[in-house]
N, C-alpha and C. Protein backbone atom coordinates (compact mmCIF):
# COMPACT_ATOMS: atom_id res chain seq x y z
N MET A 1 181.50 36.45 -135.68
CA MET A 1 181.06 37.51 -136.76
C MET A 1 181.94 37.67 -137.11
N ASP A 2 181.05 37.55 -138.91
CA ASP A 2 181.96 37.86 -139.98
C ASP A 2 181.20 39.13 -140.18
N PHE A 3 182.14 40.29 -140.08
CA PHE A 3 181.90 41.84 -140.15
C PHE A 3 181.66 42.00 -141.60
N GLU A 4 182.42 41.49 -142.83
CA GLU A 4 181.82 41.41 -143.64
C GLU A 4 181.00 41.42 -144.26
N LYS A 5 180.35 40.25 -144.07
CA LYS A 5 179.15 39.44 -144.47
C LYS A 5 177.33 40.17 -143.71
N GLU A 6 177.90 40.42 -142.25
CA GLU A 6 176.85 40.60 -141.54
C GLU A 6 176.77 42.47 -141.44
N VAL A 7 177.96 43.44 -141.92
CA VAL A 7 177.84 44.80 -142.14
C VAL A 7 177.62 45.20 -143.60
N LEU A 8 179.17 44.63 -143.58
CA LEU A 8 179.78 45.20 -145.26
C LEU A 8 178.55 45.28 -146.36
N LYS A 9 178.21 43.74 -146.35
CA LYS A 9 177.54 42.90 -147.58
C LYS A 9 176.23 43.35 -147.23
N SER A 10 175.64 44.23 -145.99
CA SER A 10 174.06 44.03 -145.82
C SER A 10 173.30 44.72 -146.75
N GLU A 11 172.19 44.42 -147.04
CA GLU A 11 170.81 45.01 -147.96
C GLU A 11 170.32 45.96 -147.25
N VAL A 12 170.30 46.07 -146.18
CA VAL A 12 169.62 47.12 -145.32
C VAL A 12 171.13 47.74 -144.24
N PRO A 13 170.77 49.15 -143.96
CA PRO A 13 171.52 49.75 -143.02
C PRO A 13 171.65 49.03 -141.66
N VAL A 14 173.05 49.21 -141.22
CA VAL A 14 173.00 48.95 -140.21
C VAL A 14 173.98 49.48 -139.13
N VAL A 15 173.48 49.63 -137.81
CA VAL A 15 173.80 49.70 -136.48
C VAL A 15 174.94 49.51 -136.05
N VAL A 16 176.03 49.49 -135.79
CA VAL A 16 177.22 48.19 -135.09
C VAL A 16 177.08 49.10 -133.96
N ASP A 17 177.36 48.56 -132.77
CA ASP A 17 177.52 48.96 -131.28
C ASP A 17 178.85 48.39 -130.90
N PHE A 18 179.63 49.53 -130.77
CA PHE A 18 181.05 49.41 -130.41
C PHE A 18 180.93 49.34 -129.12
N TYR A 19 181.27 48.62 -128.25
CA TYR A 19 181.41 48.21 -127.02
C TYR A 19 182.56 47.24 -126.32
N ALA A 20 182.06 47.44 -125.03
CA ALA A 20 182.98 46.75 -123.92
C ALA A 20 182.03 46.31 -122.51
N GLU A 21 182.73 44.92 -122.32
CA GLU A 21 181.71 44.44 -121.17
C GLU A 21 181.70 45.37 -120.33
N TRP A 22 183.06 45.86 -119.63
CA TRP A 22 183.33 46.55 -118.62
C TRP A 22 182.87 47.77 -118.71
N CYS A 23 182.24 48.66 -119.36
CA CYS A 23 181.67 49.78 -119.94
C CYS A 23 180.55 50.11 -119.40
N PRO A 24 180.42 50.46 -118.22
CA PRO A 24 178.84 50.67 -117.72
C PRO A 24 177.62 51.77 -118.26
N PRO A 25 178.48 52.68 -119.23
CA PRO A 25 177.62 53.63 -120.40
C PRO A 25 177.54 52.29 -121.52
N CYS A 26 177.83 51.87 -121.68
CA CYS A 26 177.44 50.64 -122.82
C CYS A 26 176.06 49.83 -122.50
N LEU A 27 175.84 49.67 -121.51
CA LEU A 27 174.58 48.90 -120.86
C LEU A 27 173.48 49.89 -121.34
N VAL A 28 173.80 51.22 -121.10
CA VAL A 28 172.33 52.10 -121.37
C VAL A 28 171.92 51.69 -122.65
N VAL A 29 173.45 51.84 -123.51
CA VAL A 29 173.11 52.54 -124.58
C VAL A 29 172.68 51.06 -125.70
N ALA A 30 173.21 49.83 -125.41
CA ALA A 30 172.69 48.26 -125.36
C ALA A 30 171.33 48.50 -125.30
N GLU A 31 170.67 49.04 -124.04
CA GLU A 31 169.20 48.73 -123.96
C GLU A 31 168.59 49.28 -125.19
N MET A 32 169.20 50.67 -125.29
CA MET A 32 168.47 51.79 -126.08
C MET A 32 168.04 50.68 -127.39
N LEU A 33 169.52 50.16 -127.68
CA LEU A 33 169.01 49.96 -129.75
C LEU A 33 168.48 48.79 -129.47
N GLU A 34 168.22 47.56 -128.13
CA GLU A 34 167.15 46.64 -128.55
C GLU A 34 165.71 46.94 -128.23
N GLU A 35 165.47 48.32 -127.84
CA GLU A 35 164.46 49.08 -128.19
C GLU A 35 164.59 48.70 -129.49
N LEU A 36 164.83 49.96 -130.16
CA LEU A 36 164.92 50.30 -131.81
C LEU A 36 165.25 49.07 -132.97
N GLU A 37 165.64 47.92 -132.02
CA GLU A 37 166.21 47.20 -132.89
C GLU A 37 164.30 46.18 -133.49
N GLY A 38 163.87 46.65 -132.12
CA GLY A 38 162.27 46.31 -132.46
C GLY A 38 161.49 46.86 -133.71
N GLU A 39 161.63 48.15 -133.03
CA GLU A 39 161.03 49.50 -133.93
C GLU A 39 161.44 48.71 -135.78
N TYR A 40 162.25 48.73 -135.93
CA TYR A 40 162.63 48.98 -137.34
C TYR A 40 163.14 47.16 -137.96
N ARG A 41 162.68 46.39 -137.21
CA ARG A 41 162.66 44.61 -137.71
C ARG A 41 162.63 45.27 -138.83
N GLY A 42 163.58 44.58 -139.76
CA GLY A 42 163.79 43.93 -140.74
C GLY A 42 163.84 45.29 -142.06
N ARG A 43 164.16 46.43 -141.49
CA ARG A 43 164.62 47.67 -141.90
C ARG A 43 165.80 48.21 -142.05
N VAL A 44 166.45 47.73 -140.85
CA VAL A 44 168.24 48.12 -140.43
C VAL A 44 168.68 46.86 -139.11
N LYS A 45 169.42 46.62 -139.21
CA LYS A 45 169.98 45.64 -138.61
C LYS A 45 171.03 46.35 -137.78
N PHE A 46 171.01 45.74 -136.25
CA PHE A 46 171.98 45.52 -135.73
C PHE A 46 172.89 44.73 -135.27
N VAL A 47 174.01 45.01 -134.88
CA VAL A 47 175.40 44.18 -134.28
C VAL A 47 175.90 45.02 -133.68
N LYS A 48 176.19 43.89 -132.36
CA LYS A 48 177.25 44.51 -131.66
C LYS A 48 178.64 43.79 -131.82
N VAL A 49 179.32 45.03 -131.15
CA VAL A 49 180.93 44.36 -131.65
C VAL A 49 181.96 44.39 -130.13
N ASP A 50 182.74 43.84 -129.61
CA ASP A 50 182.95 43.80 -128.11
C ASP A 50 184.59 44.45 -129.05
N VAL A 51 184.65 45.85 -128.66
CA VAL A 51 186.28 46.21 -128.98
C VAL A 51 187.34 45.39 -128.67
N ASP A 52 187.02 44.81 -127.01
CA ASP A 52 188.58 43.95 -126.58
C ASP A 52 188.50 42.29 -127.35
N GLU A 53 187.57 42.00 -128.20
CA GLU A 53 187.36 40.80 -128.68
C GLU A 53 187.51 41.00 -130.32
N HIS A 54 187.55 42.15 -130.74
CA HIS A 54 187.58 42.75 -132.14
C HIS A 54 188.39 44.08 -131.93
N GLU A 55 189.70 43.87 -131.36
CA GLU A 55 190.81 45.03 -131.80
C GLU A 55 190.54 45.87 -133.22
N GLU A 56 190.96 45.32 -134.20
CA GLU A 56 191.29 45.41 -135.54
C GLU A 56 190.09 46.03 -136.05
N LEU A 57 188.74 45.76 -135.77
CA LEU A 57 187.82 46.51 -136.09
C LEU A 57 187.61 47.68 -135.44
N ALA A 58 188.10 47.88 -134.24
CA ALA A 58 188.21 49.13 -133.47
C ALA A 58 188.79 49.91 -134.04
N GLU A 59 189.87 49.41 -134.54
CA GLU A 59 191.30 50.36 -134.87
C GLU A 59 191.04 50.83 -136.09
N LYS A 60 190.33 49.81 -137.43
CA LYS A 60 190.23 50.27 -138.20
C LYS A 60 188.71 51.24 -138.79
N TYR A 61 187.95 51.49 -137.69
CA TYR A 61 187.00 52.53 -137.59
C TYR A 61 187.34 53.34 -137.00
N GLU A 62 188.29 53.72 -136.23
CA GLU A 62 188.64 54.42 -135.33
C GLU A 62 188.06 55.02 -134.14
N VAL A 63 187.77 53.76 -133.34
CA VAL A 63 187.23 54.04 -132.05
C VAL A 63 187.71 54.15 -131.28
N MET A 64 187.65 55.27 -130.72
CA MET A 64 188.59 55.75 -129.83
C MET A 64 187.94 55.35 -128.33
N SER A 65 186.53 55.15 -128.16
CA SER A 65 186.23 55.46 -126.63
C SER A 65 184.63 54.84 -126.99
N VAL A 66 184.19 53.90 -125.97
CA VAL A 66 183.32 53.12 -126.08
C VAL A 66 182.50 53.80 -125.24
N PRO A 67 180.94 53.80 -125.31
CA PRO A 67 180.10 52.82 -126.73
C PRO A 67 180.34 54.27 -128.11
N THR A 68 180.42 53.41 -128.83
CA THR A 68 180.17 54.10 -130.17
C THR A 68 179.34 53.61 -131.27
N ILE A 69 178.78 54.07 -131.51
CA ILE A 69 177.37 53.67 -132.47
C ILE A 69 177.86 54.27 -133.76
N ALA A 70 178.22 53.48 -134.60
CA ALA A 70 178.18 53.24 -136.18
C ALA A 70 177.36 53.34 -137.07
N ILE A 71 176.97 53.34 -138.47
CA ILE A 71 175.86 53.37 -139.04
C ILE A 71 176.49 52.77 -140.51
N PHE A 72 176.33 52.00 -140.54
CA PHE A 72 176.44 51.36 -142.17
C PHE A 72 175.67 51.61 -143.21
N HIS A 73 175.95 52.05 -144.46
CA HIS A 73 175.35 51.54 -145.69
C HIS A 73 175.88 51.29 -146.40
N ARG A 74 175.30 50.16 -147.42
CA ARG A 74 175.96 49.59 -148.92
C ARG A 74 177.50 49.53 -148.91
N GLY A 75 177.91 48.89 -147.42
CA GLY A 75 178.99 48.75 -147.22
C GLY A 75 180.06 49.99 -146.80
N GLU A 76 179.54 51.50 -146.49
CA GLU A 76 180.04 52.51 -145.97
C GLU A 76 179.98 53.11 -144.84
N LEU A 77 180.64 53.66 -144.11
CA LEU A 77 180.26 54.06 -142.95
C LEU A 77 180.14 55.44 -143.10
N VAL A 78 178.36 55.86 -142.65
CA VAL A 78 177.78 56.76 -143.28
C VAL A 78 177.78 57.59 -141.76
N ASP A 79 177.69 57.56 -140.95
CA ASP A 79 176.85 57.97 -139.94
C ASP A 79 177.84 57.70 -138.53
N GLY A 80 177.88 57.97 -137.32
CA GLY A 80 178.33 57.79 -135.95
C GLY A 80 177.96 58.95 -135.05
N MET A 81 178.10 58.23 -133.78
CA MET A 81 177.99 58.85 -132.35
C MET A 81 178.55 58.04 -131.24
N ILE A 82 179.09 58.92 -130.37
CA ILE A 82 179.87 58.60 -129.40
C ILE A 82 179.16 58.66 -127.83
N GLY A 83 179.29 57.83 -127.38
CA GLY A 83 178.83 58.08 -125.75
C GLY A 83 177.37 57.61 -125.98
N VAL A 84 176.88 57.76 -124.85
CA VAL A 84 175.28 57.68 -125.00
C VAL A 84 174.61 58.94 -125.52
N VAL A 85 173.85 58.21 -126.21
CA VAL A 85 173.10 59.34 -127.36
C VAL A 85 171.72 58.67 -126.87
N LYS A 86 170.57 60.20 -126.97
CA LYS A 86 169.26 59.88 -126.87
C LYS A 86 168.91 59.08 -128.06
N LYS A 87 167.89 58.30 -127.85
CA LYS A 87 167.24 57.33 -128.37
C LYS A 87 166.33 58.13 -129.58
N GLU A 88 166.16 59.31 -129.56
CA GLU A 88 165.18 59.83 -130.55
C GLU A 88 166.38 60.43 -131.38
N GLN A 89 167.31 60.63 -131.01
CA GLN A 89 168.59 61.85 -131.70
C GLN A 89 168.99 60.56 -132.86
N LEU A 90 169.10 58.89 -132.55
CA LEU A 90 169.60 57.67 -133.22
C LEU A 90 168.29 57.62 -134.38
N ARG A 91 166.84 57.65 -133.96
CA ARG A 91 165.52 57.63 -134.76
C ARG A 91 165.90 58.30 -135.83
N LYS A 92 166.08 59.69 -135.46
CA LYS A 92 166.07 60.80 -136.70
C LYS A 92 167.07 60.31 -137.54
N ARG A 93 168.16 60.02 -137.23
CA ARG A 93 169.22 59.55 -138.50
C ARG A 93 168.79 58.76 -138.81
N LEU A 94 168.27 57.26 -138.35
CA LEU A 94 168.02 56.58 -139.12
C LEU A 94 166.79 56.77 -139.83
N ASP A 95 166.29 57.51 -139.57
CA ASP A 95 164.76 57.81 -140.54
C ASP A 95 165.39 58.75 -141.66
N ALA A 96 165.84 59.55 -141.52
CA ALA A 96 166.60 59.98 -142.89
C ALA A 96 167.52 59.35 -143.98
N LEU A 97 168.14 58.34 -143.10
CA LEU A 97 168.52 57.25 -144.16
C LEU A 97 167.96 56.54 -144.53
N LEU A 98 166.63 55.96 -144.31
CA LEU A 98 165.46 55.00 -144.60
C LEU A 98 165.13 55.98 -145.66
N ASN A 99 164.52 57.40 -145.43
CA ASN A 99 163.76 58.20 -146.45
C ASN A 99 164.84 58.59 -147.67
N GLY A 100 166.08 58.33 -147.77
CA GLY A 100 167.13 59.28 -148.46
C GLY A 100 167.48 60.31 -148.76
N SER A 101 167.40 60.70 -147.81
CA SER A 101 168.18 62.38 -147.16
C SER A 101 169.41 61.98 -146.31
N GLY A 102 169.41 61.28 -145.54
CA GLY A 102 170.45 61.00 -144.41
C GLY A 102 172.16 60.27 -145.32
């Protein structure tokens, strides 16, 4: 995956799911993000980053535990959440960002 192209140069906000194959809570987050991806299609991009395969990205963005959700907008990290989060919590943050108040 080309992180710079897919995330940093994206025209729309990007939700990055930092995960690991060995992480059971990551499966819960992945399922929730798949549901949200359908709701926000065309307005928000969703990408997954395996921290074991992309250690340099995990280190750069200080991902200390998985799952970690990072939200990027206009090439900048603007928000993030660690652990299993509620869909409503992430939806509120995305809506605020899309409406210009986040």
